[in-house]
Amino acid sequence: MTKQFHDHVLSDDALAQLFNEARSYNDWLDKDVSNEQLHAIWDLLKMAPTSANMQPVRIVWVKSHEQKEKLAGCAMEGNQAKIKAAPVTAVIGYDIDFHEELPWLFPHTDAKSWFEGDEEGRKEGAFRNSSLQGAYLMLAARAVGLDCGPMSGFDQDKVNAAFFGDEPRHRVNFICSIGYGDPESIFDRSPRPDFDKFNTIV
């Protein structure tokens, strides 16, 4: 590794917090997550790259008891308690009509015209890039000292109706509980493959 790159490598503690010791939690300590922390997560994740800076993610941060119950009612039985116990669960969605925002998000050229009349292309781009942004959200949450519990296992139509009903062009991608994870709720880490198992350098 050259000195140029070495100077920019994060510390072992930072890498442990983001990756090497971070886990997906199934239960949560009774400790609040503030709105200021949610803003801090957003201010980090929005800086990470998306295609043409399209920023298609649309997030509903579910904090109130009433809304937790509503979200839990959309989830499979095994996920309901996780949602109810978490201080907050992010409903990570995407906007099929993200291109309407491109004139100010990507002002260098007429990027909006690239997507007009191509709804299937927009759906594909919005899903792919909101998936990236959901991953950025998890890293951002870990970076500010929080833990994550990402989930599928929910009725997509029910979640869309319950949390994006006023925005029919929005769709849920996945959900992610956020808080301070209970270490008693996790099991031993599952195996991770070595580089040569799934990688090829050509």
Protein backbone atom coordinates (compact mmCIF):
# COMPACT_ATOMS: atom_id res chain seq x y z
CA MET A 1 0.00 0.00 0.00
CA THR A 2 1.41 3.38 -0.94
CA LYS A 3 1.86 6.07 1.65
CA GLN A 4 -0.74 8.17 -0.21
CA PHE A 5 -3.42 5.57 0.47
CA HIS A 6 -2.08 4.61 3.87
CA ASP A 7 -2.54 8.16 5.14
CA HIS A 8 -6.25 7.93 4.41
CA VAL A 9 -7.07 4.52 5.92
CA LEU A 10 -9.46 4.71 8.87
CA SER A 11 -8.30 3.57 12.26
CA ASP A 12 -8.87 -0.01 13.37
CA ASP A 13 -11.46 1.28 15.85
CA ALA A 14 -13.38 3.08 13.10
CA LEU A 15 -13.28 0.03 10.82
CA ALA A 16 -14.50 -2.14 13.69
CA GLN A 17 -17.40 0.25 14.35
CA LEU A 18 -18.45 0.35 10.72
CA PHE A 19 -17.71 -3.20 9.61
CA ASN A 20 -15.60 -5.70 11.51
CA GLU A 21 -17.45 -5.69 14.84
CA ALA A 22 -20.79 -4.25 13.69
CA ARG A 23 -23.75 -6.61 13.83
CA SER A 24 -27.43 -6.72 12.84
CA TYR A 25 -29.45 -6.60 16.04
CA ASN A 26 -32.71 -8.34 16.86
CA ASP A 27 -33.57 -6.49 20.09
CA TRP A 28 -32.88 -3.11 21.55
CA LEU A 29 -31.88 -1.42 24.77
CA ASP A 30 -34.40 1.02 26.24
CA LYS A 31 -32.52 4.08 25.07
CA ASP A 32 -33.92 6.84 22.89
CA VAL A 33 -32.68 7.94 19.48
CA SER A 34 -33.08 11.70 19.07
CA ASN A 35 -34.32 13.55 16.02
CA GLU A 36 -30.91 15.24 15.95
CA GLN A 37 -29.30 11.83 15.47
CA LEU A 38 -31.65 11.08 12.58
CA HIS A 39 -30.69 14.39 10.97
CA ALA A 40 -27.01 13.47 11.44
CA ILE A 41 -27.60 10.15 9.68
CA TRP A 42 -29.25 11.94 6.77
CA ASP A 43 -26.50 14.54 6.53
CA LEU A 44 -23.97 11.74 6.05
CA LEU A 45 -25.88 9.40 3.75
CA LYS A 46 -26.89 12.17 1.34
CA MET A 47 -23.22 12.84 0.58
CA ALA A 48 -22.59 9.35 -0.82
CA PRO A 49 -22.90 8.80 -4.58
CA THR A 50 -26.01 8.04 -6.58
CA SER A 51 -26.31 8.00 -10.36
CA ALA A 52 -26.56 11.60 -11.63
CA ASN A 53 -27.10 12.56 -7.97
CA MET A 54 -30.66 11.31 -8.40
CA GLN A 55 -31.16 10.83 -4.63
CA PRO A 56 -34.28 8.67 -5.09
CA VAL A 57 -34.55 7.49 -1.48
CA ARG A 58 -37.57 8.61 0.51
CA ILE A 59 -37.46 7.73 4.22
CA VAL A 60 -40.17 7.61 6.84
CA TRP A 61 -38.67 7.45 10.34
CA VAL A 62 -41.14 5.52 12.48
CA LYS A 63 -40.82 6.59 16.15
CA SER A 64 -44.24 6.92 17.77
CA HIS A 65 -45.95 4.00 19.48
CA GLU A 66 -48.94 4.30 17.14
CA GLN A 67 -46.83 4.21 13.99
CA LYS A 68 -44.66 1.36 15.29
CA GLU A 69 -47.83 -0.67 15.80
CA LYS A 70 -48.94 0.17 12.28
CA LEU A 71 -45.60 -0.88 10.79
CA ALA A 72 -45.46 -4.04 12.89
CA GLY A 73 -48.91 -4.93 11.54
CA CYS A 74 -47.40 -4.94 8.04
CA ALA A 75 -44.55 -7.28 9.00
CA MET A 76 -44.18 -11.02 9.34
CA GLU A 77 -44.63 -12.33 12.86
CA GLY A 78 -40.91 -12.78 13.49
CA ASN A 79 -40.22 -9.10 12.79
CA GLN A 80 -43.08 -7.52 14.74
CA ALA A 81 -41.40 -7.50 18.14
CA LYS A 82 -38.20 -6.10 16.64
CA ILE A 83 -40.08 -3.14 15.20
CA LYS A 84 -42.02 -2.46 18.40
CA ALA A 85 -38.90 -2.58 20.58
CA ALA A 86 -36.70 -0.40 18.38
CA PRO A 87 -36.46 3.32 19.16
CA VAL A 88 -36.95 4.02 15.46
CA THR A 89 -37.39 2.04 12.28
CA ALA A 90 -36.62 3.63 8.93
CA VAL A 91 -38.99 2.78 6.10
CA ILE A 92 -36.57 3.12 3.20
CA GLY A 93 -38.47 3.82 0.01
CA TYR A 94 -37.86 5.33 -3.39
CA ASP A 95 -39.56 7.80 -5.71
CA ILE A 96 -40.34 6.53 -9.19
CA ASP A 97 -40.53 10.15 -10.34
CA PHE A 98 -37.16 11.17 -8.87
CA HIS A 99 -36.32 12.76 -12.22
CA GLU A 100 -38.60 15.71 -11.43
CA GLU A 101 -35.97 16.83 -8.88
CA LEU A 102 -32.98 16.52 -11.22
CA PRO A 103 -33.00 20.13 -12.49
CA TRP A 104 -31.69 21.26 -9.09
CA LEU A 105 -30.00 18.04 -7.97
CA PHE A 106 -27.97 17.69 -11.19
CA PRO A 107 -27.91 21.16 -12.76
CA HIS A 108 -24.91 20.50 -15.03
CA THR A 109 -27.10 19.26 -17.85
CA ASP A 110 -30.69 18.38 -18.70
CA ALA A 111 -30.63 15.05 -16.85
CA LYS A 112 -34.40 15.07 -16.40
CA SER A 113 -34.83 14.42 -20.11
CA TRP A 114 -32.83 11.20 -19.80
CA PHE A 115 -35.62 9.62 -17.78
CA GLU A 116 -38.79 11.16 -19.18
CA GLY A 117 -41.01 8.62 -20.91
CA ASP A 118 -39.06 5.67 -19.47
CA GLU A 119 -40.89 4.61 -16.33
CA GLU A 120 -39.39 1.12 -16.29
CA GLY A 121 -35.91 2.63 -16.49
CA ARG A 122 -36.78 5.01 -13.65
CA LYS A 123 -38.06 2.14 -11.52
CA GLU A 124 -34.84 0.22 -12.07
CA GLY A 125 -32.65 3.25 -11.34
CA ALA A 126 -34.67 4.27 -8.30
CA PHE A 127 -34.59 0.80 -6.80
CA ARG A 128 -30.87 0.32 -7.41
CA ASN A 129 -29.85 3.71 -6.08
CA SER A 130 -32.21 3.65 -3.09
CA SER A 131 -30.68 0.28 -2.19
CA LEU A 132 -27.31 2.00 -2.18
CA GLN A 133 -28.71 4.79 -0.04
CA GLY A 134 -30.19 2.28 2.38
CA ALA A 135 -26.73 0.78 2.80
CA TYR A 136 -25.28 4.26 3.25
CA LEU A 137 -27.92 4.84 5.95
CA MET A 138 -26.71 1.81 7.88
CA LEU A 139 -23.08 2.92 7.70
CA ALA A 140 -24.05 6.46 8.67
CA ALA A 141 -26.02 5.19 11.67
CA ARG A 142 -23.04 3.13 12.78
CA ALA A 143 -20.76 6.11 12.24
CA VAL A 144 -22.77 8.20 14.71
CA GLY A 145 -22.71 5.44 17.31
CA LEU A 146 -25.95 3.59 16.63
CA ASP A 147 -26.75 0.01 15.67
CA CYS A 148 -28.95 -1.35 12.89
CA GLY A 149 -31.35 -4.19 12.26
CA PRO A 150 -32.25 -4.31 8.54
CA MET A 151 -35.29 -6.35 7.54
CA SER A 152 -37.33 -7.56 4.66
CA GLY A 153 -40.19 -9.83 5.72
CA PHE A 154 -43.11 -7.42 5.34
CA ASP A 155 -46.11 -6.93 3.08
CA GLN A 156 -44.92 -4.39 0.54
CA ASP A 157 -48.40 -3.25 -0.48
CA LYS A 158 -49.43 -2.73 3.14
CA VAL A 159 -46.32 -0.70 3.90
CA ASN A 160 -46.81 1.42 0.78
CA ALA A 161 -50.43 2.11 1.71
CA ALA A 162 -49.65 2.84 5.35
CA PHE A 163 -46.59 5.05 4.91
CA PHE A 164 -46.59 6.28 1.30
CA GLY A 165 -50.32 6.38 0.67
CA ASP A 166 -50.25 10.12 0.02
CA GLU A 167 -47.36 9.67 -2.41
CA PRO A 168 -48.51 6.92 -4.80
CA ARG A 169 -45.28 7.13 -6.80
CA HIS A 170 -43.23 6.09 -3.77
CA ARG A 171 -42.44 2.44 -3.03
CA VAL A 172 -40.82 0.72 -0.06
CA ASN A 173 -37.45 -0.98 -0.62
CA PHE A 174 -36.65 -2.37 2.84
CA ILE A 175 -36.89 -1.36 6.50
CA CYS A 176 -34.17 -0.91 9.09
CA SER A 177 -34.52 -0.57 12.83
CA ILE A 178 -32.05 1.78 14.49
CA GLY A 179 -31.03 2.19 18.10
CA TYR A 180 -28.69 0.76 20.68
CA GLY A 181 -28.54 -2.97 20.10
CA ASP A 182 -28.97 -5.45 22.91
CA PRO A 183 -25.88 -7.71 22.74
CA GLU A 184 -27.95 -10.56 24.15
CA SER A 185 -30.06 -10.57 20.98
CA ILE A 186 -27.35 -11.64 18.55
CA PHE A 187 -25.80 -15.03 17.86
CA ASP A 188 -22.29 -15.87 16.72
CA ARG A 189 -21.35 -14.16 13.49
CA SER A 190 -22.05 -16.22 10.38
CA PRO A 191 -19.13 -17.19 8.13
CA ARG A 192 -17.70 -14.66 5.71
CA PRO A 193 -15.97 -15.83 2.50
CA ASP A 194 -12.33 -15.20 1.67
CA PHE A 195 -11.57 -13.07 -1.37
CA ASP A 196 -10.86 -15.99 -3.70
CA LYS A 197 -14.25 -17.60 -3.03
CA PHE A 198 -16.39 -15.04 -4.90
CA ASN A 199 -13.91 -12.70 -6.58
CA THR A 200 -11.93 -12.72 -9.79
CA ILE A 201 -9.33 -10.19 -10.88
CA VAL A 202 -8.99 -10.05 -14.66
